[in-house]
N, C-alpha and C. Protein backbone atom coordinates (compact mmCIF):
# COMPACT_ATOMS: atom_id res chain seq x y z
N MET A 1 43.47 181.07 -77.06
CA MET A 1 41.79 181.41 -78.37
C MET A 1 41.83 179.87 -79.44
N ALA A 2 40.83 179.91 -79.31
CA ALA A 2 40.55 178.99 -80.55
C ALA A 2 39.43 179.15 -81.33
N PHE A 3 39.39 179.03 -82.70
CA PHE A 3 39.04 179.22 -83.84
C PHE A 3 38.54 177.87 -84.55
N VAL A 4 36.81 178.14 -84.62
CA VAL A 4 36.63 177.08 -86.12
C VAL A 4 35.86 177.43 -86.64
N ASN A 5 36.31 177.03 -88.30
CA ASN A 5 35.20 177.28 -89.70
C ASN A 5 35.10 176.17 -90.27
N VAL A 6 34.08 175.23 -90.33
CA VAL A 6 34.06 174.32 -91.22
C VAL A 6 32.76 174.44 -92.14
N SER A 7 32.60 174.31 -93.08
CA SER A 7 31.25 173.89 -94.13
C SER A 7 31.74 173.27 -94.96
N LYS A 8 30.36 172.49 -95.76
CA LYS A 8 30.59 171.71 -96.36
C LYS A 8 29.33 171.94 -97.91
N THR A 9 30.16 171.80 -99.13
CA THR A 9 28.67 172.30 -100.10
C THR A 9 28.05 171.32 -100.22
N LEU A 10 26.65 171.38 -100.09
CA LEU A 10 25.38 170.32 -101.06
C LEU A 10 24.84 170.91 -102.00
N ASP A 11 25.78 169.75 -102.78
CA ASP A 11 25.36 169.95 -104.40
C ASP A 11 23.29 169.79 -104.51
N PHE A 12 23.12 168.59 -103.75
CA PHE A 12 21.71 168.30 -104.04
C PHE A 12 20.43 169.69 -103.99
N MET A 13 21.13 170.98 -102.82
CA MET A 13 20.27 171.88 -102.45
C MET A 13 20.76 173.09 -103.16
N ARG A 14 22.12 173.05 -104.15
CA ARG A 14 22.66 173.88 -104.28
C ARG A 14 23.39 174.38 -103.10
N GLY A 15 23.82 174.52 -102.20
CA GLY A 15 24.04 175.16 -101.05
C GLY A 15 25.03 174.63 -100.06
N ALA A 16 25.16 175.19 -98.93
CA ALA A 16 26.20 174.51 -97.72
C ALA A 16 25.74 174.26 -96.47
N ILE A 17 25.90 173.94 -95.86
CA ILE A 17 26.33 174.28 -94.31
C ILE A 17 27.07 173.93 -93.59
N GLY A 18 27.12 174.65 -92.76
CA GLY A 18 28.34 175.15 -91.65
C GLY A 18 28.85 175.37 -89.94
N VAL A 19 29.83 175.78 -89.38
CA VAL A 19 29.21 175.65 -88.67
C VAL A 19 31.17 177.03 -88.43
N ARG A 20 30.74 178.04 -87.90
CA ARG A 20 31.65 178.97 -87.47
C ARG A 20 31.54 179.25 -85.80
N GLY A 21 32.95 179.09 -84.96
CA GLY A 21 33.18 179.35 -83.91
C GLY A 21 33.96 179.47 -83.26
N ASN A 22 34.31 180.26 -82.01
CA ASN A 22 35.35 181.02 -81.59
C ASN A 22 35.21 180.80 -80.24
N PHE A 23 36.75 180.88 -79.09
CA PHE A 23 36.67 180.96 -78.17
C PHE A 23 37.89 181.73 -77.14
N SER A 24 37.65 181.85 -76.54
CA SER A 24 39.15 182.66 -75.87
C SER A 24 38.75 182.93 -74.66
N ARG A 25 39.93 182.89 -73.78
CA ARG A 25 40.16 182.83 -72.27
C ARG A 25 41.51 183.44 -71.83
N MET A 26 40.89 184.57 -70.85
CA MET A 26 42.06 185.67 -70.17
C MET A 26 41.68 185.37 -68.87
N GLU A 27 42.87 184.93 -68.24
CA GLU A 27 43.03 184.94 -66.74
C GLU A 27 44.34 185.41 -66.56
N ASN A 28 44.00 186.20 -65.47
CA ASN A 28 45.04 187.47 -64.93
C ASN A 28 45.10 188.00 -63.35
N ASN A 29 45.70 188.57 -62.83
CA ASN A 29 45.16 188.93 -61.61
C ASN A 29 45.83 190.80 -61.19
N ILE A 30 45.07 191.23 -60.37
CA ILE A 30 45.38 192.78 -59.99
C ILE A 30 45.89 192.98 -58.56
N LEU A 31 46.26 193.80 -58.65
CA LEU A 31 46.95 194.48 -56.94
C LEU A 31 45.70 195.52 -56.83
N SER A 32 44.51 194.83 -55.62
CA SER A 32 43.65 196.22 -55.44
C SER A 32 43.38 196.27 -53.91
N GLN A 33 44.06 197.34 -53.50
CA GLN A 33 44.49 197.65 -51.97
C GLN A 33 45.09 196.74 -51.28
N GLY A 34 46.47 196.31 -52.00
CA GLY A 34 47.52 195.45 -51.12
C GLY A 34 46.53 194.15 -51.06
N ILE A 35 45.95 194.20 -52.02
CA ILE A 35 45.16 192.59 -52.24
C ILE A 35 45.18 191.84 -53.47
N GLN A 36 46.32 190.49 -53.35
CA GLN A 36 45.74 190.39 -54.96
C GLN A 36 44.70 189.68 -55.11
N THR A 37 44.33 190.09 -56.37
CA THR A 37 42.59 189.42 -57.34
C THR A 37 43.12 188.53 -58.58
N ASP A 38 42.44 187.65 -58.47
CA ASP A 38 42.28 186.46 -59.62
C ASP A 38 41.24 186.98 -60.19
N TYR A 39 41.60 186.93 -61.85
CA TYR A 39 40.24 187.16 -62.67
C TYR A 39 40.22 186.44 -63.73
N ARG A 40 39.27 186.02 -64.28
CA ARG A 40 38.88 185.52 -65.61
C ARG A 40 37.89 185.16 -66.13
N ASN A 41 38.22 186.00 -67.91
CA ASN A 41 37.35 186.39 -68.55
C ASN A 41 37.10 185.33 -69.91
N ASP A 42 35.81 184.20 -69.96
CA ASP A 42 36.10 183.92 -71.05
C ASP A 42 34.96 183.94 -71.87
N SER A 43 35.10 184.09 -73.38
CA SER A 43 34.18 184.48 -74.22
C SER A 43 33.99 183.18 -75.18
N PHE A 44 33.10 182.43 -75.80
CA PHE A 44 32.86 181.88 -76.48
C PHE A 44 31.65 182.46 -77.37
N SER A 45 31.73 182.08 -78.91
CA SER A 45 30.46 182.19 -79.83
C SER A 45 30.57 180.84 -80.97
N LEU A 46 29.48 180.31 -81.20
CA LEU A 46 29.16 179.39 -82.08
C LEU A 46 28.33 179.38 -82.88
N SER A 47 27.99 179.70 -84.44
CA SER A 47 27.15 180.22 -85.41
C SER A 47 26.96 178.70 -86.63
N PRO A 48 26.04 177.81 -86.48
CA PRO A 48 25.98 177.07 -87.72
C PRO A 48 24.91 177.79 -88.32
N PHE A 49 25.28 177.51 -89.55
CA PHE A 49 24.71 178.08 -90.69
C PHE A 49 24.15 176.67 -91.91
N VAL A 50 23.15 177.61 -92.74
CA VAL A 50 22.70 176.51 -93.73
C VAL A 50 21.90 177.20 -94.89
N ASN A 51 22.40 176.85 -96.03
CA ASN A 51 21.63 178.32 -96.84
C ASN A 51 21.23 177.17 -98.45
N GLY A 52 20.76 177.67 -99.03
CA GLY A 52 20.25 176.62 -100.57
C GLY A 52 19.88 178.03 -101.62
N ASN A 53 19.53 177.05 -102.78
CA ASN A 53 19.06 177.69 -103.90
C ASN A 53 18.07 176.81 -104.48
N ILE A 54 16.76 176.23 -104.14
CA ILE A 54 16.19 175.48 -104.68
C ILE A 54 15.68 175.54 -106.30
N SER A 55 15.97 176.62 -106.47
CA SER A 55 16.11 176.28 -108.04
C SER A 55 16.02 177.98 -108.41
N THR A 56 16.52 178.37 -109.86
CA THR A 56 16.27 179.54 -110.25
C THR A 56 16.21 181.02 -109.67
N PHE A 57 14.85 180.28 -109.15
CA PHE A 57 13.88 181.38 -108.25
C PHE A 57 13.74 181.65 -106.88
N PHE A 58 14.36 180.62 -105.96
CA PHE A 58 14.51 181.08 -104.49
C PHE A 58 15.59 180.23 -104.21
N ASN A 59 16.08 181.38 -103.18
CA ASN A 59 16.94 181.16 -102.35
C ASN A 59 17.13 181.17 -100.72
N TRP A 60 17.72 180.91 -100.00
CA TRP A 60 17.31 181.11 -98.61
C TRP A 60 18.83 180.83 -98.18
N ASN A 61 18.44 181.38 -96.86
CA ASN A 61 20.02 181.05 -95.77
C ASN A 61 19.15 181.29 -94.26
N LEU A 62 19.28 180.29 -93.32
CA LEU A 62 19.72 180.97 -91.85
C LEU A 62 20.76 180.32 -91.06
N LYS A 63 20.74 180.55 -90.24
CA LYS A 63 21.97 180.85 -89.06
C LYS A 63 21.57 181.06 -87.37
N PHE A 64 22.04 180.45 -86.99
CA PHE A 64 21.84 180.40 -85.67
C PHE A 64 23.25 180.46 -84.88
N THR A 65 23.40 181.76 -84.10
CA THR A 65 24.42 182.59 -82.97
C THR A 65 24.63 182.53 -81.64
N TRP A 66 25.56 181.39 -80.68
CA TRP A 66 25.03 181.77 -79.26
C TRP A 66 26.24 182.37 -78.82
N ASN A 67 26.07 183.30 -78.28
CA ASN A 67 27.07 183.98 -77.94
C ASN A 67 27.67 184.13 -75.65
N ARG A 68 28.69 183.67 -75.44
CA ARG A 68 28.31 183.41 -74.36
C ARG A 68 29.59 183.89 -73.77
N ALA A 69 29.12 184.45 -72.63
CA ALA A 69 30.62 185.76 -72.12
C ALA A 69 30.79 185.29 -70.43
N ALA A 70 31.51 185.12 -69.69
CA ALA A 70 31.64 185.14 -68.80
C ALA A 70 32.68 185.71 -67.74
N LEU A 71 32.58 185.99 -66.45
CA LEU A 71 33.64 186.53 -65.50
C LEU A 71 33.43 186.10 -64.13
N LYS A 72 35.01 185.48 -64.19
CA LYS A 72 35.02 184.73 -62.39
C LYS A 72 35.97 185.28 -61.51
N ILE A 73 35.91 186.57 -60.66
CA ILE A 73 36.76 186.90 -59.96
C ILE A 73 37.14 186.34 -58.49
N SER A 74 38.29 185.93 -58.24
CA SER A 74 38.77 185.23 -57.47
C SER A 74 37.45 184.34 -56.60
N ASP A 75 37.45 184.14 -55.42
CA ASP A 75 36.14 183.62 -54.80
C ASP A 75 34.78 183.71 -55.14
N MET A 76 34.33 184.57 -55.89
CA MET A 76 33.20 185.74 -55.79
C MET A 76 32.32 184.26 -56.87
N SER A 77 31.27 183.76 -57.21
CA SER A 77 30.33 183.02 -57.95
C SER A 77 30.94 183.65 -59.74
N ASN A 78 30.65 183.02 -60.53
CA ASN A 78 30.71 183.20 -62.03
C ASN A 78 29.61 183.99 -62.05
N ARG A 79 30.00 184.68 -63.04
CA ARG A 79 28.64 186.29 -63.94
C ARG A 79 28.56 185.43 -64.92
N ARG A 80 27.70 185.19 -65.63
CA ARG A 80 27.54 184.61 -67.49
C ARG A 80 26.78 185.54 -67.88
N SER A 81 26.37 185.48 -69.28
CA SER A 81 25.31 185.85 -70.20
C SER A 81 24.99 185.14 -71.47
N ASN A 82 24.48 184.61 -71.73
CA ASN A 82 24.24 184.27 -72.78
C ASN A 82 23.08 184.88 -73.87
N ASP A 83 23.68 185.11 -75.04
CA ASP A 83 22.31 185.78 -76.05
C ASP A 83 22.68 184.55 -77.11
N PHE A 84 21.36 184.66 -78.00
CA PHE A 84 21.18 183.93 -78.65
C PHE A 84 20.36 184.55 -79.98
N ILE A 85 20.95 184.15 -81.54
CA ILE A 85 20.48 184.91 -82.17
C ILE A 85 20.09 183.68 -83.46
N TYR A 86 18.71 184.04 -83.75
CA TYR A 86 18.29 182.97 -84.54
C TYR A 86 18.02 184.12 -86.33
N SER A 87 18.75 183.85 -87.26
CA SER A 87 18.10 184.94 -88.76
C SER A 87 18.26 184.06 -89.48
N GLY A 88 17.87 184.39 -90.46
CA GLY A 88 17.73 183.84 -92.21
C GLY A 88 16.68 185.06 -93.28
N ASN A 89 16.66 185.07 -93.82
CA ASN A 89 16.13 185.54 -95.54
C ASN A 89 15.73 184.45 -95.97
N ILE A 90 14.75 185.25 -97.15
CA ILE A 90 14.48 184.44 -98.72
C ILE A 90 14.75 185.52 -99.47
N THR A 91 14.69 185.37 -100.57
CA THR A 91 14.57 185.68 -101.76
C THR A 91 13.87 185.10 -103.20
N PHE A 92 13.09 185.95 -103.79
CA PHE A 92 12.03 185.16 -105.06
C PHE A 92 12.54 186.14 -106.00
N THR A 93 12.55 185.05 -106.64
CA THR A 93 12.68 186.02 -108.04
C THR A 93 12.15 185.69 -108.76
N PRO A 94 10.39 185.78 -109.53
CA PRO A 94 9.70 184.93 -109.86
C PRO A 94 10.56 185.20 -111.61
N CYS A 95 10.65 186.06 -112.05
CA CYS A 95 11.17 187.00 -112.94
C CYS A 95 12.54 187.50 -113.36
N PRO A 96 13.28 187.88 -114.32
CA PRO A 96 14.65 188.91 -113.85
C PRO A 96 13.88 190.05 -114.12
N LEU A 97 13.00 190.45 -113.89
CA LEU A 97 12.51 191.87 -113.61
C LEU A 97 11.91 192.13 -112.10
N ILE A 98 11.66 191.23 -111.75
CA ILE A 98 11.16 191.17 -110.23
C ILE A 98 12.16 190.42 -109.25
N THR A 99 12.19 190.88 -107.80
CA THR A 99 12.79 190.55 -106.51
C THR A 99 12.39 191.01 -105.65
N CYS A 100 11.49 189.76 -105.04
CA CYS A 100 11.47 190.06 -103.48
C CYS A 100 12.29 189.29 -102.35
N THR A 101 12.27 189.88 -101.68
CA THR A 101 13.16 189.83 -100.32
C THR A 101 12.77 190.03 -98.95
N ALA A 102 12.60 188.65 -98.04
CA ALA A 102 12.23 188.89 -96.97
C ALA A 102 13.29 188.36 -95.95
N GLY A 103 13.28 188.97 -94.51
CA GLY A 103 14.16 188.75 -93.61
C GLY A 103 14.29 188.72 -92.54
N GLY A 104 14.71 188.47 -90.99
CA GLY A 104 14.75 188.53 -89.86
C GLY A 104 15.63 188.46 -88.37
N GLU A 105 15.35 188.69 -87.96
CA GLU A 105 16.46 188.21 -86.76
C GLU A 105 15.68 188.05 -85.16
N PHE A 106 15.84 186.64 -84.79
CA PHE A 106 14.94 186.72 -83.33
C PHE A 106 16.17 186.79 -82.09
N TYR A 107 16.10 187.87 -81.88
CA TYR A 107 17.71 188.02 -80.25
C TYR A 107 17.03 187.26 -79.10
N ARG A 108 17.32 186.72 -78.63
CA ARG A 108 17.23 186.50 -76.53
C ARG A 108 18.31 186.88 -76.31
N ASN A 109 18.43 187.89 -75.66
CA ASN A 109 19.26 188.45 -74.75
C ASN A 109 18.94 188.33 -73.52
N GLN A 110 20.43 187.71 -72.40
CA GLN A 110 20.27 187.68 -71.08
C GLN A 110 20.37 188.68 -70.37
N ILE A 111 19.36 189.59 -69.80
CA ILE A 111 19.61 190.65 -69.54
C ILE A 111 20.52 190.47 -68.08
N GLU A 112 20.08 189.31 -66.73
CA GLU A 112 20.48 188.98 -65.94
C GLU A 112 20.26 187.68 -65.27
N GLU A 113 20.88 186.68 -64.54
CA GLU A 113 20.40 185.56 -64.25
C GLU A 113 19.23 185.15 -64.36
N ASP A 114 18.68 184.28 -64.69
CA ASP A 114 17.15 183.70 -65.69
C ASP A 114 16.20 184.97 -65.81
N ARG A 115 16.70 186.20 -66.57
CA ARG A 115 15.59 187.01 -66.91
C ARG A 115 16.49 187.63 -68.49
N TYR A 116 15.41 187.20 -69.54
CA TYR A 116 15.82 187.64 -70.94
C TYR A 116 15.12 188.59 -71.31
N LYS A 117 15.69 189.33 -72.61
CA LYS A 117 14.85 190.47 -73.49
C LYS A 117 14.88 189.57 -74.92
N ASN A 118 13.39 189.53 -75.37
CA ASN A 118 13.07 188.69 -76.69
C ASN A 118 12.62 189.77 -77.83
N MET A 119 13.30 189.73 -79.08
CA MET A 119 12.81 190.66 -79.39
C MET A 119 13.42 190.28 -81.31
N MET A 120 12.23 190.34 -82.06
CA MET A 120 12.18 189.88 -83.35
C MET A 120 12.28 191.07 -84.34
N MET A 121 13.00 190.89 -85.09
CA MET A 121 13.16 192.09 -86.38
C MET A 121 13.10 191.50 -87.78
N LEU A 122 12.09 191.89 -88.58
CA LEU A 122 11.57 191.68 -89.51
C LEU A 122 11.62 192.81 -90.50
N ASP A 123 12.63 192.77 -92.01
CA ASP A 123 12.65 193.50 -93.15
C ASP A 123 12.27 192.99 -94.53
N THR A 124 11.92 193.46 -95.41
CA THR A 124 11.39 193.24 -96.98
C THR A 124 11.68 194.29 -97.38
N LYS A 125 12.07 193.86 -98.99
CA LYS A 125 12.37 194.74 -99.80
C LYS A 125 11.51 194.24 -101.36
N LEU A 126 10.94 194.77 -102.09
CA LEU A 126 10.49 194.36 -103.18
C LEU A 126 11.52 195.68 -104.87
N THR A 127 12.02 195.00 -105.56
CA THR A 127 12.65 195.19 -106.22
C THR A 127 12.30 194.99 -107.38
N PHE A 128 12.06 196.26 -108.21
CA PHE A 128 11.94 196.25 -109.79
C PHE A 128 12.87 196.33 -111.09
N ASN A 129 13.34 195.79 -111.67
CA ASN A 129 14.41 195.70 -112.62
C ASN A 129 13.97 196.28 -113.81
N ILE A 130 13.36 197.91 -114.38
CA ILE A 130 12.94 198.85 -115.49
C ILE A 130 13.75 198.11 -116.72
N SER A 131 15.20 198.47 -116.48
CA SER A 131 15.72 198.12 -117.50
C SER A 131 17.14 197.43 -117.12
N LYS A 132 18.40 197.57 -118.09
CA LYS A 132 19.56 197.06 -117.36
C LYS A 132 19.93 198.36 -116.90
N ARG A 133 19.81 199.28 -116.78
CA ARG A 133 20.28 200.89 -116.08
C ARG A 133 19.64 201.24 -114.99
N VAL A 134 18.14 200.53 -114.73
CA VAL A 134 16.91 201.42 -113.59
C VAL A 134 16.23 200.68 -113.33
N GLU A 135 16.92 200.72 -111.67
CA GLU A 135 16.12 199.51 -110.75
C GLU A 135 15.23 200.22 -109.78
N ILE A 136 14.42 200.19 -109.46
CA ILE A 136 13.18 200.80 -108.07
C ILE A 136 12.73 199.74 -107.53
N SER A 137 13.10 200.34 -105.93
CA SER A 137 12.92 199.56 -105.15
C SER A 137 11.73 199.93 -103.71
N ALA A 138 11.16 199.55 -103.35
CA ALA A 138 10.57 199.58 -102.03
C ALA A 138 10.96 198.64 -100.88
N SER A 139 11.39 199.12 -99.60
CA SER A 139 11.85 198.76 -98.62
C SER A 139 10.83 198.84 -97.34
N VAL A 140 10.85 197.53 -96.47
CA VAL A 140 10.37 198.33 -95.33
C VAL A 140 10.92 197.61 -94.14
N SER A 141 11.88 198.49 -93.12
CA SER A 141 12.71 197.94 -92.27
C SER A 141 11.92 197.84 -90.69
N ASN A 142 12.51 197.05 -89.90
CA ASN A 142 11.96 197.36 -88.79
C ASN A 142 10.52 197.37 -89.00
N LEU A 143 9.61 195.80 -89.77
CA LEU A 143 8.53 196.12 -90.17
C LEU A 143 7.78 195.57 -88.39
N LEU A 144 7.74 195.30 -87.36
CA LEU A 144 7.34 194.96 -86.35
C LEU A 144 7.50 196.30 -85.51
N ASN A 145 8.02 197.25 -85.79
CA ASN A 145 8.01 198.88 -85.09
C ASN A 145 8.55 198.89 -83.64
N ARG A 146 10.22 197.66 -83.60
CA ARG A 146 10.59 197.64 -82.54
C ARG A 146 11.20 198.84 -82.19
N LYS A 147 11.14 199.58 -80.68
CA LYS A 147 11.78 200.56 -80.20
C LYS A 147 12.98 200.17 -79.15
N GLU A 148 13.58 199.17 -78.56
CA GLU A 148 14.63 199.30 -77.98
C GLU A 148 15.24 197.67 -78.08
N TYR A 149 16.51 197.48 -77.99
CA TYR A 149 17.24 196.57 -77.54
C TYR A 149 18.08 196.74 -76.80
N SER A 150 18.31 195.51 -75.91
CA SER A 150 18.63 195.38 -74.09
C SER A 150 19.57 194.46 -75.11
N TYR A 151 21.12 194.14 -73.67
CA TYR A 151 22.06 192.64 -73.70
C TYR A 151 22.80 193.60 -72.92
N THR A 152 23.48 192.64 -72.10
CA THR A 152 24.18 192.31 -70.55
C THR A 152 25.77 191.30 -71.54
N THR A 153 26.71 192.01 -71.05
CA THR A 153 27.95 191.45 -71.48
C THR A 153 29.07 191.59 -70.72
N TYR A 154 30.18 190.70 -70.50
CA TYR A 154 31.10 190.66 -69.96
C TYR A 154 32.77 191.19 -70.37
N GLY A 155 33.02 192.42 -69.71
CA GLY A 155 34.88 192.58 -69.88
C GLY A 155 35.43 191.75 -69.22
N THR A 156 37.31 192.92 -69.33
CA THR A 156 37.65 192.46 -68.71
C THR A 156 37.49 193.09 -66.87
N LEU A 157 37.12 192.27 -66.20
CA LEU A 157 36.41 192.83 -64.80
C LEU A 157 35.40 193.80 -64.37
N SER A 158 34.74 193.83 -65.55
CA SER A 158 33.41 194.82 -66.06
C SER A 158 32.32 194.03 -66.02
N GLN A 159 31.62 194.35 -66.35
CA GLN A 159 30.11 194.09 -66.87
C GLN A 159 29.10 194.98 -67.34
N TYR A 160 28.81 195.15 -68.87
CA TYR A 160 28.02 195.97 -69.20
C TYR A 160 26.86 195.85 -69.42
N GLU A 161 25.73 196.56 -69.00
CA GLU A 161 24.31 196.68 -69.46
C GLU A 161 23.91 197.52 -70.57
N ARG A 162 23.55 197.12 -71.45
CA ARG A 162 23.43 198.21 -72.85
C ARG A 162 22.05 197.99 -73.29
N SER A 163 20.71 198.79 -73.08
CA SER A 163 20.02 199.38 -73.74
C SER A 163 19.81 200.36 -75.12
N SER A 164 19.46 200.11 -75.64
CA SER A 164 19.46 201.41 -77.16
C SER A 164 18.03 201.43 -77.92
N ARG A 165 17.77 202.51 -77.77
CA ARG A 165 17.04 203.01 -78.54
C ARG A 165 16.57 202.82 -80.06
N LEU A 166 16.04 202.57 -80.78
CA LEU A 166 15.63 201.93 -82.52
C LEU A 166 14.84 202.37 -83.14
N ARG A 167 15.35 202.85 -83.94
CA ARG A 167 14.50 203.54 -85.46
C ARG A 167 13.57 203.31 -85.28
N GLY A 168 12.06 203.59 -85.87
CA GLY A 168 11.06 202.74 -85.86
C GLY A 168 11.02 202.68 -87.22
N ARG A 169 9.56 201.65 -87.86
CA ARG A 169 9.38 201.34 -88.69
C ARG A 169 9.59 202.16 -90.05
N GLU A 170 10.06 201.58 -90.87
CA GLU A 170 10.76 202.81 -92.14
C GLU A 170 10.18 202.06 -93.21
N PHE A 171 9.71 202.98 -94.22
CA PHE A 171 9.36 202.71 -95.63
C PHE A 171 10.11 203.41 -96.56
N MET A 172 10.95 203.23 -97.79
CA MET A 172 11.95 203.60 -98.73
C MET A 172 11.47 203.29 -99.80
N ILE A 173 11.35 204.36 -100.74
CA ILE A 173 11.37 203.91 -102.16
C ILE A 173 13.05 204.35 -102.81
N SER A 174 13.74 203.67 -103.34
CA SER A 174 15.23 203.99 -104.23
C SER A 174 15.23 203.68 -105.24
N ILE A 175 15.66 204.56 -106.28
CA ILE A 175 15.64 204.47 -107.55
C ILE A 175 16.97 204.10 -107.79
N TYR A 176 17.83 203.20 -108.31
CA TYR A 176 19.43 203.32 -108.89
C TYR A 176 19.50 203.24 -109.96
N LEU A 177 20.36 203.89 -110.74
CA LEU A 177 20.58 204.28 -111.86
C LEU A 177 22.52 203.87 -111.74
N LYS A 178 22.70 202.55 -112.99
CA LYS A 178 23.61 202.11 -112.99
C LYS A 178 24.29 202.57 -114.12
N LYS A 179 25.75 202.68 -114.57
CA LYS A 179 26.20 202.88 -115.27
C LYS A 179 26.20 201.54 -117.12
């Protein structure tokens, strides 16, 4: 196993840049019907990021994540999946009473060799600070009304294919009362 987490503060943009990563490998063998079978499972993730605060009223962050899973069983060919996630958000505060936030993710998930599923998710939120004790917000999640999320990954001697139904577009108004 290996882990890395490196970041550097960037004063000129009041933010930071960095990268996080991890790698793990598991090698083992099993006895199946009297035949010894060797296998190796690799898992890798790399996530560079950058964020900043351009002024007192505008901040942002961006992140990219690459996940790779691989499975090798004896003399069989390698099975691999690659998933990519691009994410980011911005927050705009034109005055202390109003805050606007917008964010999203773009997923590129490998379903099988040379076949990918792409999906974009967007959310937004508008907040009004009526007083020090009362906040009202209006938010929209899953703005593009995506219905399904799919991916493939590899575990110990196994392949998982998953497809999940998603909640549709949602609009919500919230009132927060603070002490």
